[in-house]
Amino acid sequence: MTTLRMSQVIVPKAFTTLPDENDKRQVISTLINSLAITKKFTLDKSGEIIEGAMAREAIGSTGIGHGIAIPHCRTPHVKEIVCAYGLSTAGIDFDSLDGEPVHSVFLLLTPPDQKEQHLQLMKSFASQIRKEHFCEFLHQVSGAQALVDLLSEFEAR
């Protein structure tokens, strides 16, 4: 089984600039809807997926620090692991581990039978975040292609 990379699961068309006045639920809803628009699942499944992601947040915040949050859930409504990206210039209170506002939100949806791939992806991404300059560059990204390029570049290191 080859390890999936964030650059492979990011859906460029789901790149979203988040409105300034946002809470965790609105951010998650916005990103889930951005994936529905790209036909990763039908819009009528959005509510169920939002509840799944919020239930995961209730277990513990996915605000992992460095201005990054990775809300996620497993759902039978996707056929493959998909990720939407949301950019917040103002910063969102995501109950992050370091108490800092979140500027980059990666919403990850995984089919129930791909738990192993999901864990590998999270581990791989966590190692990118720890690399020097990654977060700094991430917070300068302003479009989908720049994001994919940045992820690819750091994954290759």
C-alpha atoms as a PDB file:
ATOM      1  CA  MET A   1       0.000   0.000   0.000  1.00  0.00           C
ATOM      2  CA  THR A   2       1.538   3.296  -1.049  1.00  0.00           C
ATOM      3  CA  THR A   3       1.350   6.163   1.388  1.00  0.00           C
ATOM      4  CA  LEU A   4      -1.083   8.854   0.360  1.00  0.00           C
ATOM      5  CA  ARG A   5       0.127  12.424   0.449  1.00  0.00           C
ATOM      6  CA  MET A   6      -1.840  15.565   1.229  1.00  0.00           C
ATOM      7  CA  SER A   7      -1.044  16.911  -2.262  1.00  0.00           C
ATOM      8  CA  GLN A   8      -2.868  13.870  -3.700  1.00  0.00           C
ATOM      9  CA  VAL A   9      -6.068  14.225  -1.672  1.00  0.00           C
ATOM     10  CA  ILE A  10      -6.440  18.018  -1.762  1.00  0.00           C
ATOM     11  CA  VAL A  11      -9.302  19.011  -4.051  1.00  0.00           C
ATOM     12  CA  PRO A  12      -8.024  22.225  -5.701  1.00  0.00           C
ATOM     13  CA  LYS A  13     -11.539  23.359  -6.678  1.00  0.00           C
ATOM     14  CA  ALA A  14     -12.496  23.200  -2.974  1.00  0.00           C
ATOM     15  CA  PHE A  15      -9.907  25.869  -2.036  1.00  0.00           C
ATOM     16  CA  THR A  16     -11.909  28.417  -0.049  1.00  0.00           C
ATOM     17  CA  THR A  17     -11.174  31.818   1.407  1.00  0.00           C
ATOM     18  CA  LEU A  18     -13.130  31.797   4.644  1.00  0.00           C
ATOM     19  CA  PRO A  19     -15.221  34.793   5.759  1.00  0.00           C
ATOM     20  CA  ASP A  20     -13.770  36.672   8.751  1.00  0.00           C
ATOM     21  CA  GLU A  21     -16.684  36.103  11.117  1.00  0.00           C
ATOM     22  CA  ASN A  22     -16.481  32.356  11.476  1.00  0.00           C
ATOM     23  CA  ASP A  23     -16.764  29.753  14.169  1.00  0.00           C
ATOM     24  CA  LYS A  24     -15.646  26.150  14.004  1.00  0.00           C
ATOM     25  CA  ARG A  25     -19.024  24.824  12.809  1.00  0.00           C
ATOM     26  CA  GLN A  26     -19.352  27.479  10.064  1.00  0.00           C
ATOM     27  CA  VAL A  27     -15.831  26.735   8.842  1.00  0.00           C
ATOM     28  CA  ILE A  28     -16.497  22.997   8.711  1.00  0.00           C
ATOM     29  CA  SER A  29     -19.863  23.580   6.963  1.00  0.00           C
ATOM     30  CA  THR A  30     -18.283  25.916   4.411  1.00  0.00           C
ATOM     31  CA  LEU A  31     -15.545  23.405   3.565  1.00  0.00           C
ATOM     32  CA  ILE A  32     -17.930  20.448   3.402  1.00  0.00           C
ATOM     33  CA  ASN A  33     -20.145  22.420   1.016  1.00  0.00           C
ATOM     34  CA  SER A  34     -17.099  23.297  -1.104  1.00  0.00           C
ATOM     35  CA  LEU A  35     -16.479  19.547  -1.545  1.00  0.00           C
ATOM     36  CA  ALA A  36     -20.154  18.909  -2.352  1.00  0.00           C
ATOM     37  CA  ILE A  37     -19.939  21.549  -5.095  1.00  0.00           C
ATOM     38  CA  THR A  38     -17.014  19.627  -6.632  1.00  0.00           C
ATOM     39  CA  LYS A  39     -19.270  16.519  -6.707  1.00  0.00           C
ATOM     40  CA  LYS A  40     -17.279  14.509  -4.126  1.00  0.00           C
ATOM     41  CA  PHE A  41     -20.661  13.617  -2.604  1.00  0.00           C
ATOM     42  CA  THR A  42     -24.218  14.903  -2.982  1.00  0.00           C
ATOM     43  CA  LEU A  43     -25.207  18.123  -1.238  1.00  0.00           C
ATOM     44  CA  ASP A  44     -27.996  16.347   0.686  1.00  0.00           C
ATOM     45  CA  LYS A  45     -25.298  14.397   2.595  1.00  0.00           C
ATOM     46  CA  SER A  46     -23.598  17.602   3.840  1.00  0.00           C
ATOM     47  CA  GLY A  47     -25.576  17.842   7.099  1.00  0.00           C
ATOM     48  CA  GLU A  48     -24.671  14.294   8.090  1.00  0.00           C
ATOM     49  CA  ILE A  49     -20.984  14.857   7.302  1.00  0.00           C
ATOM     50  CA  ILE A  50     -20.970  18.161   9.247  1.00  0.00           C
ATOM     51  CA  GLU A  51     -22.377  16.304  12.279  1.00  0.00           C
ATOM     52  CA  GLY A  52     -19.667  13.637  11.902  1.00  0.00           C
ATOM     53  CA  ALA A  53     -16.907  16.258  11.834  1.00  0.00           C
ATOM     54  CA  MET A  54     -18.433  18.140  14.784  1.00  0.00           C
ATOM     55  CA  ALA A  55     -18.701  14.881  16.772  1.00  0.00           C
ATOM     56  CA  ARG A  56     -14.976  14.363  16.135  1.00  0.00           C
ATOM     57  CA  GLU A  57     -14.271  17.945  17.328  1.00  0.00           C
ATOM     58  CA  ALA A  58     -16.222  17.207  20.521  1.00  0.00           C
ATOM     59  CA  ILE A  59     -13.692  14.446  21.335  1.00  0.00           C
ATOM     60  CA  GLY A  60     -10.845  16.954  21.110  1.00  0.00           C
ATOM     61  CA  SER A  61      -9.972  19.975  19.025  1.00  0.00           C
ATOM     62  CA  THR A  62      -8.293  19.328  15.701  1.00  0.00           C
ATOM     63  CA  GLY A  63      -6.548  22.701  15.988  1.00  0.00           C
ATOM     64  CA  ILE A  64      -3.032  21.230  16.073  1.00  0.00           C
ATOM     65  CA  GLY A  65      -1.086  24.458  16.532  1.00  0.00           C
ATOM     66  CA  HIS A  66       1.003  26.662  14.222  1.00  0.00           C
ATOM     67  CA  GLY A  67      -2.219  28.235  12.910  1.00  0.00           C
ATOM     68  CA  ILE A  68      -3.413  24.923  11.420  1.00  0.00           C
ATOM     69  CA  ALA A  69      -6.528  22.824  12.046  1.00  0.00           C
ATOM     70  CA  ILE A  70      -7.387  19.469  10.491  1.00  0.00           C
ATOM     71  CA  PRO A  71     -11.041  18.716  11.194  1.00  0.00           C
ATOM     72  CA  HIS A  72     -11.836  15.236   9.900  1.00  0.00           C
ATOM     73  CA  CYS A  73     -14.249  12.347   9.980  1.00  0.00           C
ATOM     74  CA  ARG A  74     -14.915   8.998   8.402  1.00  0.00           C
ATOM     75  CA  THR A  75     -18.015   8.906   6.261  1.00  0.00           C
ATOM     76  CA  PRO A  76     -19.545   6.376   3.868  1.00  0.00           C
ATOM     77  CA  HIS A  77     -20.476   9.296   1.585  1.00  0.00           C
ATOM     78  CA  VAL A  78     -17.020   9.599  -0.002  1.00  0.00           C
ATOM     79  CA  LYS A  79     -15.410   6.957  -2.205  1.00  0.00           C
ATOM     80  CA  GLU A  80     -11.851   8.124  -1.569  1.00  0.00           C
ATOM     81  CA  ILE A  81     -10.030  10.337   0.927  1.00  0.00           C
ATOM     82  CA  VAL A  82     -10.664  13.971   0.017  1.00  0.00           C
ATOM     83  CA  CYS A  83      -9.495  17.217   1.532  1.00  0.00           C
ATOM     84  CA  ALA A  84     -10.774  20.786   1.248  1.00  0.00           C
ATOM     85  CA  TYR A  85      -8.618  23.741   2.274  1.00  0.00           C
ATOM     86  CA  GLY A  86      -9.848  26.924   3.899  1.00  0.00           C
ATOM     87  CA  LEU A  87      -7.789  30.068   4.316  1.00  0.00           C
ATOM     88  CA  SER A  88      -8.613  32.626   6.992  1.00  0.00           C
ATOM     89  CA  THR A  89      -6.771  35.927   6.984  1.00  0.00           C
ATOM     90  CA  ALA A  90      -8.400  37.069  10.233  1.00  0.00           C
ATOM     91  CA  GLY A  91      -7.812  33.794  12.066  1.00  0.00           C
ATOM     92  CA  ILE A  92     -10.394  31.536  13.709  1.00  0.00           C
ATOM     93  CA  ASP A  93     -10.664  30.416  17.315  1.00  0.00           C
ATOM     94  CA  PHE A  94     -10.416  26.642  16.931  1.00  0.00           C
ATOM     95  CA  ASP A  95      -9.501  25.779  20.534  1.00  0.00           C
ATOM     96  CA  SER A  96      -6.013  25.019  19.234  1.00  0.00           C
ATOM     97  CA  LEU A  97      -3.502  23.228  21.395  1.00  0.00           C
ATOM     98  CA  ASP A  98      -1.248  26.307  21.420  1.00  0.00           C
ATOM     99  CA  GLY A  99      -4.138  28.757  21.915  1.00  0.00           C
ATOM    100  CA  GLU A 100      -3.285  30.557  18.656  1.00  0.00           C
ATOM    101  CA  PRO A 101      -5.901  31.465  16.021  1.00  0.00           C
ATOM    102  CA  VAL A 102      -6.141  29.161  13.009  1.00  0.00           C
ATOM    103  CA  HIS A 103      -5.435  30.483   9.496  1.00  0.00           C
ATOM    104  CA  SER A 104      -5.245  27.198   7.560  1.00  0.00           C
ATOM    105  CA  VAL A 105      -7.970  24.567   7.787  1.00  0.00           C
ATOM    106  CA  PHE A 106      -7.598  21.197   6.077  1.00  0.00           C
ATOM    107  CA  LEU A 107     -10.921  19.326   6.188  1.00  0.00           C
ATOM    108  CA  LEU A 108     -10.313  15.631   5.635  1.00  0.00           C
ATOM    109  CA  LEU A 109     -13.051  13.110   4.789  1.00  0.00           C
ATOM    110  CA  THR A 110     -12.245   9.408   4.684  1.00  0.00           C
ATOM    111  CA  PRO A 111     -14.294   6.354   3.692  1.00  0.00           C
ATOM    112  CA  PRO A 112     -14.817   4.028   6.716  1.00  0.00           C
ATOM    113  CA  ASP A 113     -12.703   1.245   5.173  1.00  0.00           C
ATOM    114  CA  GLN A 114      -9.602   3.449   4.755  1.00  0.00           C
ATOM    115  CA  LYS A 115      -8.700   3.977   8.401  1.00  0.00           C
ATOM    116  CA  GLU A 116      -5.091   2.873   7.854  1.00  0.00           C
ATOM    117  CA  GLN A 117      -4.585   5.244   4.894  1.00  0.00           C
ATOM    118  CA  HIS A 118      -6.143   8.054   6.933  1.00  0.00           C
ATOM    119  CA  LEU A 119      -3.722   7.501   9.825  1.00  0.00           C
ATOM    120  CA  GLN A 120      -0.742   7.334   7.446  1.00  0.00           C
ATOM    121  CA  LEU A 121      -1.846  10.568   5.780  1.00  0.00           C
ATOM    122  CA  MET A 122      -2.199  12.340   9.134  1.00  0.00           C
ATOM    123  CA  LYS A 123       1.251  11.137  10.232  1.00  0.00           C
ATOM    124  CA  SER A 124       2.838  12.183   6.951  1.00  0.00           C
ATOM    125  CA  PHE A 125       1.177  15.607   7.115  1.00  0.00           C
ATOM    126  CA  ALA A 126       2.224  16.110  10.735  1.00  0.00           C
ATOM    127  CA  SER A 127       5.822  15.601   9.665  1.00  0.00           C
ATOM    128  CA  GLN A 128       5.441  18.281   6.929  1.00  0.00           C
ATOM    129  CA  ILE A 129       4.173  20.770   9.496  1.00  0.00           C
ATOM    130  CA  ARG A 130       7.274  20.251  11.625  1.00  0.00           C
ATOM    131  CA  LYS A 131       9.615  21.049   8.731  1.00  0.00           C
ATOM    132  CA  GLU A 132      11.324  24.409   8.883  1.00  0.00           C
ATOM    133  CA  HIS A 133       9.452  27.191   7.037  1.00  0.00           C
ATOM    134  CA  PHE A 134       6.447  25.031   6.078  1.00  0.00           C
ATOM    135  CA  CYS A 135       3.923  26.930   8.223  1.00  0.00           C
ATOM    136  CA  GLU A 136       5.408  30.269   7.253  1.00  0.00           C
ATOM    137  CA  PHE A 137       5.013  29.424   3.528  1.00  0.00           C
ATOM    138  CA  LEU A 138       1.586  27.881   4.098  1.00  0.00           C
ATOM    139  CA  HIS A 139       0.282  31.142   5.556  1.00  0.00           C
ATOM    140  CA  GLN A 140       1.394  32.986   2.413  1.00  0.00           C
ATOM    141  CA  VAL A 141      -0.514  30.686   0.040  1.00  0.00           C
ATOM    142  CA  SER A 142      -3.312  32.509  -1.762  1.00  0.00           C
ATOM    143  CA  GLY A 143      -4.597  29.991  -4.287  1.00  0.00           C
ATOM    144  CA  ALA A 144      -5.174  26.303  -4.944  1.00  0.00           C
ATOM    145  CA  GLN A 145      -2.218  25.762  -7.272  1.00  0.00           C
ATOM    146  CA  ALA A 146       0.196  27.471  -4.864  1.00  0.00           C
ATOM    147  CA  LEU A 147      -1.095  25.196  -2.101  1.00  0.00           C
ATOM    148  CA  VAL A 148      -0.647  22.006  -4.139  1.00  0.00           C
ATOM    149  CA  ASP A 149       2.837  23.150  -5.222  1.00  0.00           C
ATOM    150  CA  LEU A 150       3.850  23.893  -1.624  1.00  0.00           C
ATOM    151  CA  LEU A 151       2.583  20.521  -0.369  1.00  0.00           C
ATOM    152  CA  SER A 152       4.305  18.663  -3.225  1.00  0.00           C
ATOM    153  CA  GLU A 153       7.580  20.486  -2.628  1.00  0.00           C
ATOM    154  CA  PHE A 154       7.658  19.690   1.096  1.00  0.00           C
ATOM    155  CA  GLU A 155       6.539  16.080   0.560  1.00  0.00           C
ATOM    156  CA  ALA A 156       9.482  15.597  -1.798  1.00  0.00           C
ATOM    157  CA  ARG A 157      12.001  16.741   0.843  1.00  0.00           C
END
